[in-house]
């Protein structure tokens, strides 16, 4: 419903531009953006939960990743891409489970409008308690499956990031001493 409200404002604006009733100026664009956002305060709706969620997500991710990596390396003498892959997958999944409620609350805070039916949330704690009381704990895990599917991006980045230093060191080492298989690469 909120997206229809926002999109109708943009649609009316584009129709006005096409009919020539408005000229495209910076002040017109600012007026439209402010009306869509319900004032400058709407631009920062959900800012506090976003900071809480990001801090919590990164802190938990590195903790879980490091714990999983150490556990997987107990029986191995060196790290491999598979260890990084499994550690990143485990860490990403656990972070999703722990932080999904924060992202749900952030989204609800950002989507509430003056036309919002019922009492608007006064902040993060109020939104969290209201959702829990009115809809139950399962509402805090809406969107978990798409979040878990997005973990694959973090897995790829973690594997590439952890593999790159090794590749650079090997390449630098060969450049320093010269590759015995390729004559003429002496430093």
Protein backbone atom coordinates (compact mmCIF):
# COMPACT_ATOMS: atom_id res chain seq x y z
CA UNK A 1 0.00 0.00 0.00
CA UNK A 2 2.79 2.40 0.90
CA UNK A 3 4.60 1.69 -2.37
CA UNK A 4 1.43 2.45 -4.32
CA UNK A 5 1.13 5.75 -2.45
CA UNK A 6 4.73 6.68 -3.23
CA UNK A 7 4.59 5.50 -6.83
CA UNK A 8 1.37 7.44 -7.49
CA UNK A 9 3.17 10.65 -6.50
CA UNK A 10 5.97 9.83 -8.95
CA UNK A 11 3.47 8.91 -11.63
CA UNK A 12 1.64 12.22 -11.18
CA UNK A 13 4.93 14.05 -11.32
CA UNK A 14 5.98 12.32 -14.55
CA UNK A 15 2.58 13.02 -16.11
CA UNK A 16 2.91 16.67 -15.12
CA UNK A 17 6.33 16.83 -16.75
CA UNK A 18 5.02 15.18 -19.93
CA UNK A 19 2.09 17.60 -20.21
CA UNK A 20 4.42 20.53 -19.76
CA UNK A 21 2.59 21.87 -16.71
CA UNK A 22 5.77 21.72 -14.61
CA UNK A 23 9.30 22.48 -15.57
CA UNK A 24 11.99 20.13 -14.33
CA UNK A 25 13.96 22.14 -11.82
CA UNK A 26 15.93 21.30 -8.73
CA UNK A 27 13.35 22.98 -6.49
CA UNK A 28 10.51 20.97 -8.05
CA UNK A 29 12.41 17.72 -7.54
CA UNK A 30 13.17 18.65 -3.91
CA UNK A 31 9.49 19.49 -3.29
CA UNK A 32 8.41 16.15 -4.72
CA UNK A 33 11.00 14.22 -2.70
CA UNK A 34 10.00 15.99 0.51
CA UNK A 35 6.32 15.27 -0.11
CA UNK A 36 7.12 11.61 -0.75
CA UNK A 37 9.26 11.32 2.38
CA UNK A 38 6.78 13.26 4.56
CA UNK A 39 9.40 15.85 5.36
CA UNK A 40 13.12 15.66 6.09
CA UNK A 41 12.52 13.38 9.09
CA UNK A 42 11.24 10.62 6.78
CA UNK A 43 14.66 10.43 5.16
CA UNK A 44 16.14 9.05 8.39
CA UNK A 45 13.27 6.76 9.40
CA UNK A 46 14.78 3.51 10.63
CA UNK A 47 18.26 4.97 11.04
CA UNK A 48 18.77 3.73 14.63
CA UNK A 49 17.69 0.14 13.85
CA UNK A 50 19.94 0.18 10.78
CA UNK A 51 22.93 1.14 12.93
CA UNK A 52 22.02 -1.48 15.54
CA UNK A 53 21.45 -4.14 12.86
CA UNK A 54 24.68 -3.41 10.99
CA UNK A 55 26.79 -3.37 14.15
CA UNK A 56 25.20 -6.57 15.40
CA UNK A 57 25.45 -8.27 11.99
CA UNK A 58 29.13 -7.54 11.43
CA UNK A 59 30.13 -8.33 15.00
CA UNK A 60 28.28 -11.64 14.98
CA UNK A 61 29.48 -12.51 11.47
CA UNK A 62 33.17 -12.19 12.33
CA UNK A 63 32.67 -14.04 15.62
CA UNK A 64 30.80 -16.94 13.99
CA UNK A 65 33.15 -17.03 11.00
CA UNK A 66 36.25 -17.18 13.17
CA UNK A 67 34.73 -19.81 15.49
CA UNK A 68 33.66 -22.00 12.57
CA UNK A 69 37.02 -21.62 10.81
CA UNK A 70 38.92 -22.64 13.96
CA UNK A 71 36.60 -25.62 14.48
CA UNK A 72 37.01 -26.78 10.84
CA UNK A 73 40.80 -26.35 10.95
CA UNK A 74 41.30 -28.54 14.03
CA UNK A 75 41.93 -31.57 11.83
CA UNK A 76 43.71 -29.69 9.02
CA UNK A 77 47.21 -28.32 8.83
CA UNK A 78 46.37 -25.43 6.49
CA UNK A 79 43.39 -23.39 5.42
CA UNK A 80 41.61 -24.11 2.15
CA UNK A 81 38.85 -22.48 0.13
CA UNK A 82 36.42 -25.15 1.36
CA UNK A 83 37.04 -24.18 4.97
CA UNK A 84 36.39 -20.53 4.15
CA UNK A 85 33.27 -21.49 2.18
CA UNK A 86 31.82 -23.59 5.01
CA UNK A 87 32.73 -20.99 7.64
CA UNK A 88 31.15 -18.18 5.66
CA UNK A 89 27.98 -20.19 5.00
CA UNK A 90 27.62 -21.09 8.67
CA UNK A 91 28.31 -17.53 9.84
CA UNK A 92 25.94 -15.99 7.31
CA UNK A 93 23.10 -18.34 8.20
CA UNK A 94 23.50 -17.76 11.93
CA UNK A 95 23.68 -13.99 11.48
CA UNK A 96 20.42 -14.12 9.50
CA UNK A 97 18.72 -16.04 12.29
CA UNK A 98 19.94 -13.65 14.98
CA UNK A 99 19.39 -10.32 13.21
CA UNK A 100 16.21 -10.87 11.17
CA UNK A 101 14.01 -9.36 13.93
CA UNK A 102 16.07 -6.15 13.81
CA UNK A 103 15.63 -5.85 10.03
CA UNK A 104 11.88 -6.50 10.29
CA UNK A 105 11.51 -3.72 12.87
CA UNK A 106 13.65 -1.36 10.76
CA UNK A 107 11.50 -2.02 7.70
CA UNK A 108 8.28 -1.47 9.63
CA UNK A 109 9.57 1.83 11.00
CA UNK A 110 10.55 2.99 7.51
CA UNK A 111 7.23 2.02 5.95
CA UNK A 112 4.89 3.63 8.45
CA UNK A 113 3.19 6.72 7.06
CA UNK A 114 0.74 9.28 8.42
CA UNK A 115 -1.97 7.20 6.70
CA UNK A 116 -0.79 4.20 8.77
CA UNK A 117 -3.79 2.44 10.28
CA UNK A 118 -3.51 2.09 14.02
CA UNK A 119 -1.07 3.71 16.41
CA UNK A 120 2.28 4.55 14.78
CA UNK A 121 5.42 3.17 16.39
CA UNK A 122 7.30 5.64 18.57
CA UNK A 123 10.67 3.96 18.11
CA UNK A 124 12.59 0.71 17.91
CA UNK A 125 11.57 -0.70 21.30
CA UNK A 126 7.91 0.20 20.82
CA UNK A 127 7.84 -1.36 17.34
CA UNK A 128 9.55 -4.53 18.60
CA UNK A 129 7.15 -4.94 21.54
CA UNK A 130 4.07 -4.12 19.44
CA UNK A 131 4.96 -6.59 16.70
CA UNK A 132 5.70 -9.28 19.28
CA UNK A 133 2.46 -8.64 21.18
CA UNK A 134 0.11 -8.20 18.20
CA UNK A 135 1.56 -10.68 15.68
CA UNK A 136 3.72 -13.06 17.69
CA UNK A 137 7.37 -14.03 17.42
CA UNK A 138 6.90 -15.54 13.95
CA UNK A 139 6.28 -12.04 12.52
CA UNK A 140 9.83 -11.11 13.51
CA UNK A 141 11.11 -13.80 11.13
CA UNK A 142 9.17 -12.75 8.04
CA UNK A 143 11.55 -12.60 5.09
CA UNK A 144 14.03 -15.04 6.62
CA UNK A 145 14.18 -17.31 3.56
CA UNK A 146 15.14 -14.51 1.12
CA UNK A 147 17.71 -13.35 3.67
CA UNK A 148 19.21 -16.83 3.81
CA UNK A 149 19.36 -16.92 0.01
CA UNK A 150 21.30 -13.65 0.02
CA UNK A 151 23.98 -15.25 2.22
CA UNK A 152 25.54 -16.73 -0.91
CA UNK A 153 26.95 -13.32 -1.86
CA UNK A 154 28.78 -13.09 1.48
CA UNK A 155 30.12 -16.61 0.98
CA UNK A 156 31.65 -15.72 -2.40
CA UNK A 157 33.18 -12.51 -1.03
CA UNK A 158 34.64 -14.32 2.00
CA UNK A 159 36.20 -17.05 -0.12
CA UNK A 160 37.65 -14.56 -2.60
CA UNK A 161 38.92 -12.25 0.15
CA UNK A 162 40.57 -15.06 2.08
CA UNK A 163 42.14 -16.58 -1.05
CA UNK A 164 43.51 -13.35 -2.51
CA UNK A 165 46.33 -12.77 0.01
CA UNK A 166 47.70 -16.27 -0.61
CA UNK A 167 47.60 -15.79 -4.38
CA UNK A 168 49.29 -12.38 -4.09
CA UNK A 169 52.02 -13.76 -1.81
CA UNK A 170 52.75 -16.65 -4.18
CA UNK A 171 52.85 -14.32 -7.18
CA UNK A 172 55.08 -11.84 -5.33
CA UNK A 173 57.40 -14.66 -4.20
CA UNK A 174 57.77 -15.98 -7.76
CA UNK A 175 58.46 -12.47 -9.02
CA UNK A 176 61.14 -12.02 -6.35
CA UNK A 177 63.03 -15.28 -6.92
CA UNK A 178 62.11 -15.97 -10.51
CA UNK A 179 59.98 -18.85 -11.75
CA UNK A 180 62.30 -21.80 -12.47
CA UNK A 181 59.92 -22.97 -15.20
CA UNK A 182 60.12 -19.62 -17.00
CA UNK A 183 63.65 -18.45 -17.70
CA UNK A 184 64.29 -14.74 -17.80
CA UNK A 185 62.05 -13.69 -14.92
CA UNK A 186 64.89 -12.85 -12.61
CA UNK A 187 64.32 -9.73 -10.49
